[in-house]
Amino acid sequence: MFLVLSYHGEVKAASKRCHIVRIYPGKCRNNGNKACLDDITKDKRIQIFKYDRCSSCMDADWPENINDRVCNCSRAC
Protein backbone atom coordinates (compact mmCIF):
# COMPACT_ATOMS: atom_id res chain seq x y z
CA MET A 1 0.00 0.00 0.00
CA PHE A 2 1.31 3.46 -0.94
CA LEU A 3 0.20 6.82 0.35
CA VAL A 4 1.04 9.86 -1.73
CA LEU A 5 0.54 13.31 -0.30
CA SER A 6 1.02 16.51 -2.19
CA TYR A 7 0.50 20.14 -1.31
CA HIS A 8 -0.68 22.50 -4.00
CA GLY A 9 -0.11 25.79 -2.24
CA GLU A 10 0.72 29.14 -3.68
CA VAL A 11 4.33 29.39 -4.77
CA LYS A 12 5.95 32.81 -4.66
CA ALA A 13 8.97 33.52 -6.80
CA ALA A 14 11.97 34.88 -4.97
CA SER A 15 12.65 38.46 -5.97
CA LYS A 16 15.94 38.72 -7.78
CA ARG A 17 18.21 41.52 -6.54
CA CYS A 18 21.07 43.20 -8.38
CA HIS A 19 23.85 44.35 -6.06
CA ILE A 20 26.42 47.11 -6.20
CA VAL A 21 29.37 47.89 -3.93
CA ARG A 22 30.48 51.52 -3.72
CA ILE A 23 32.95 53.45 -1.58
CA TYR A 24 31.90 56.75 -0.03
CA PRO A 25 33.68 59.11 2.38
CA GLY A 26 32.96 59.00 6.09
CA LYS A 27 32.41 56.37 8.75
CA CYS A 28 29.37 54.04 9.09
CA ARG A 29 28.52 54.89 12.70
CA ASN A 30 25.03 53.92 13.96
CA ASN A 31 23.12 54.70 10.75
CA GLY A 32 25.53 53.28 8.18
CA ASN A 33 22.98 51.55 5.98
CA LYS A 34 20.80 54.68 5.83
CA ALA A 35 23.84 56.85 5.04
CA CYS A 36 24.80 54.42 2.27
CA LEU A 37 21.31 54.50 0.79
CA ASP A 38 21.27 58.32 0.92
CA ASP A 39 24.63 58.50 -0.86
CA ILE A 40 23.78 55.93 -3.50
CA THR A 41 20.48 57.61 -4.40
CA LYS A 42 22.30 60.94 -4.83
CA ASP A 43 25.15 59.42 -6.88
CA LYS A 44 24.66 60.86 -10.38
CA ARG A 45 26.79 58.14 -11.97
CA ILE A 46 24.22 55.46 -11.13
CA GLN A 47 21.01 57.47 -10.68
CA ILE A 48 19.39 55.70 -13.63
CA PHE A 49 18.99 52.65 -11.36
CA LYS A 50 16.69 52.84 -8.35
CA TYR A 51 18.59 51.29 -5.45
CA ASP A 52 16.23 50.84 -2.53
CA ARG A 53 18.07 48.71 0.03
CA CYS A 54 21.54 48.67 1.59
CA SER A 55 22.45 45.52 3.46
CA SER A 56 25.85 46.40 4.85
CA CYS A 57 28.14 49.28 5.66
CA MET A 58 31.75 48.55 6.60
CA ASP A 59 34.42 51.04 7.57
CA ALA A 60 37.33 50.68 5.15
CA ASP A 61 40.70 49.96 6.71
CA TRP A 62 43.10 51.79 4.41
CA PRO A 63 46.76 52.16 5.39
CA GLU A 64 46.64 55.92 4.68
CA ASN A 65 44.03 56.49 7.47
CA ILE A 66 41.43 57.69 4.99
CA ASN A 67 37.92 57.59 6.47
CA ASP A 68 35.90 55.70 3.87
CA ARG A 69 33.04 53.25 4.11
CA VAL A 70 32.15 50.38 1.80
CA CYS A 71 28.44 50.17 0.98
CA ASN A 72 26.67 47.06 -0.36
CA CYS A 73 23.30 48.04 -1.82
CA SER A 74 20.74 46.37 -4.06
CA ARG A 75 17.74 46.97 -6.31
CA ALA A 76 15.18 44.81 -8.06
CA CYS A 77 16.58 43.51 -11.35
C-alpha atoms as a PDB file:
ATOM      1  CA  MET A   1       0.000   0.000   0.000  1.00  0.00           C
ATOM      2  CA  PHE A   2       1.307   3.460  -0.935  1.00  0.00           C
ATOM      3  CA  LEU A   3       0.198   6.818   0.349  1.00  0.00           C
ATOM      4  CA  VAL A   4       1.037   9.865  -1.730  1.00  0.00           C
ATOM      5  CA  LEU A   5       0.545  13.314  -0.296  1.00  0.00           C
ATOM      6  CA  SER A   6       1.017  16.510  -2.190  1.00  0.00           C
ATOM      7  CA  TYR A   7       0.495  20.141  -1.310  1.00  0.00           C
ATOM      8  CA  HIS A   8      -0.676  22.496  -4.005  1.00  0.00           C
ATOM      9  CA  GLY A   9      -0.112  25.791  -2.239  1.00  0.00           C
ATOM     10  CA  GLU A  10       0.724  29.138  -3.678  1.00  0.00           C
ATOM     11  CA  VAL A  11       4.331  29.394  -4.769  1.00  0.00           C
ATOM     12  CA  LYS A  12       5.948  32.814  -4.662  1.00  0.00           C
ATOM     13  CA  ALA A  13       8.968  33.521  -6.795  1.00  0.00           C
ATOM     14  CA  ALA A  14      11.971  34.879  -4.973  1.00  0.00           C
ATOM     15  CA  SER A  15      12.653  38.455  -5.970  1.00  0.00           C
ATOM     16  CA  LYS A  16      15.944  38.717  -7.778  1.00  0.00           C
ATOM     17  CA  ARG A  17      18.205  41.517  -6.537  1.00  0.00           C
ATOM     18  CA  CYS A  18      21.073  43.197  -8.377  1.00  0.00           C
ATOM     19  CA  HIS A  19      23.854  44.349  -6.058  1.00  0.00           C
ATOM     20  CA  ILE A  20      26.419  47.108  -6.197  1.00  0.00           C
ATOM     21  CA  VAL A  21      29.373  47.885  -3.934  1.00  0.00           C
ATOM     22  CA  ARG A  22      30.485  51.519  -3.715  1.00  0.00           C
ATOM     23  CA  ILE A  23      32.955  53.448  -1.575  1.00  0.00           C
ATOM     24  CA  TYR A  24      31.899  56.751  -0.029  1.00  0.00           C
ATOM     25  CA  PRO A  25      33.677  59.114   2.379  1.00  0.00           C
ATOM     26  CA  GLY A  26      32.961  59.005   6.095  1.00  0.00           C
ATOM     27  CA  LYS A  27      32.405  56.366   8.754  1.00  0.00           C
ATOM     28  CA  CYS A  28      29.374  54.042   9.085  1.00  0.00           C
ATOM     29  CA  ARG A  29      28.522  54.888  12.698  1.00  0.00           C
ATOM     30  CA  ASN A  30      25.033  53.924  13.961  1.00  0.00           C
ATOM     31  CA  ASN A  31      23.116  54.700  10.752  1.00  0.00           C
ATOM     32  CA  GLY A  32      25.533  53.278   8.183  1.00  0.00           C
ATOM     33  CA  ASN A  33      22.975  51.548   5.976  1.00  0.00           C
ATOM     34  CA  LYS A  34      20.803  54.678   5.834  1.00  0.00           C
ATOM     35  CA  ALA A  35      23.844  56.845   5.039  1.00  0.00           C
ATOM     36  CA  CYS A  36      24.801  54.422   2.267  1.00  0.00           C
ATOM     37  CA  LEU A  37      21.306  54.505   0.789  1.00  0.00           C
ATOM     38  CA  ASP A  38      21.269  58.317   0.916  1.00  0.00           C
ATOM     39  CA  ASP A  39      24.626  58.496  -0.856  1.00  0.00           C
ATOM     40  CA  ILE A  40      23.782  55.930  -3.498  1.00  0.00           C
ATOM     41  CA  THR A  41      20.479  57.606  -4.400  1.00  0.00           C
ATOM     42  CA  LYS A  42      22.304  60.937  -4.834  1.00  0.00           C
ATOM     43  CA  ASP A  43      25.147  59.415  -6.879  1.00  0.00           C
ATOM     44  CA  LYS A  44      24.663  60.860 -10.377  1.00  0.00           C
ATOM     45  CA  ARG A  45      26.790  58.136 -11.973  1.00  0.00           C
ATOM     46  CA  ILE A  46      24.218  55.457 -11.132  1.00  0.00           C
ATOM     47  CA  GLN A  47      21.005  57.465 -10.681  1.00  0.00           C
ATOM     48  CA  ILE A  48      19.385  55.700 -13.625  1.00  0.00           C
ATOM     49  CA  PHE A  49      18.990  52.649 -11.365  1.00  0.00           C
ATOM     50  CA  LYS A  50      16.691  52.845  -8.348  1.00  0.00           C
ATOM     51  CA  TYR A  51      18.590  51.285  -5.452  1.00  0.00           C
ATOM     52  CA  ASP A  52      16.226  50.838  -2.527  1.00  0.00           C
ATOM     53  CA  ARG A  53      18.071  48.715   0.032  1.00  0.00           C
ATOM     54  CA  CYS A  54      21.539  48.669   1.586  1.00  0.00           C
ATOM     55  CA  SER A  55      22.446  45.519   3.464  1.00  0.00           C
ATOM     56  CA  SER A  56      25.847  46.397   4.846  1.00  0.00           C
ATOM     57  CA  CYS A  57      28.142  49.275   5.656  1.00  0.00           C
ATOM     58  CA  MET A  58      31.749  48.551   6.595  1.00  0.00           C
ATOM     59  CA  ASP A  59      34.419  51.040   7.566  1.00  0.00           C
ATOM     60  CA  ALA A  60      37.332  50.675   5.153  1.00  0.00           C
ATOM     61  CA  ASP A  61      40.698  49.957   6.705  1.00  0.00           C
ATOM     62  CA  TRP A  62      43.104  51.793   4.409  1.00  0.00           C
ATOM     63  CA  PRO A  63      46.760  52.157   5.390  1.00  0.00           C
ATOM     64  CA  GLU A  64      46.638  55.919   4.681  1.00  0.00           C
ATOM     65  CA  ASN A  65      44.032  56.490   7.469  1.00  0.00           C
ATOM     66  CA  ILE A  66      41.430  57.686   4.985  1.00  0.00           C
ATOM     67  CA  ASN A  67      37.916  57.595   6.469  1.00  0.00           C
ATOM     68  CA  ASP A  68      35.896  55.701   3.870  1.00  0.00           C
ATOM     69  CA  ARG A  69      33.038  53.249   4.105  1.00  0.00           C
ATOM     70  CA  VAL A  70      32.155  50.384   1.801  1.00  0.00           C
ATOM     71  CA  CYS A  71      28.439  50.167   0.977  1.00  0.00           C
ATOM     72  CA  ASN A  72      26.674  47.064  -0.356  1.00  0.00           C
ATOM     73  CA  CYS A  73      23.304  48.042  -1.819  1.00  0.00           C
ATOM     74  CA  SER A  74      20.736  46.372  -4.062  1.00  0.00           C
ATOM     75  CA  ARG A  75      17.743  46.966  -6.309  1.00  0.00           C
ATOM     76  CA  ALA A  76      15.184  44.811  -8.057  1.00  0.00           C
ATOM     77  CA  CYS A  77      16.578  43.512 -11.354  1.00  0.00           C
END
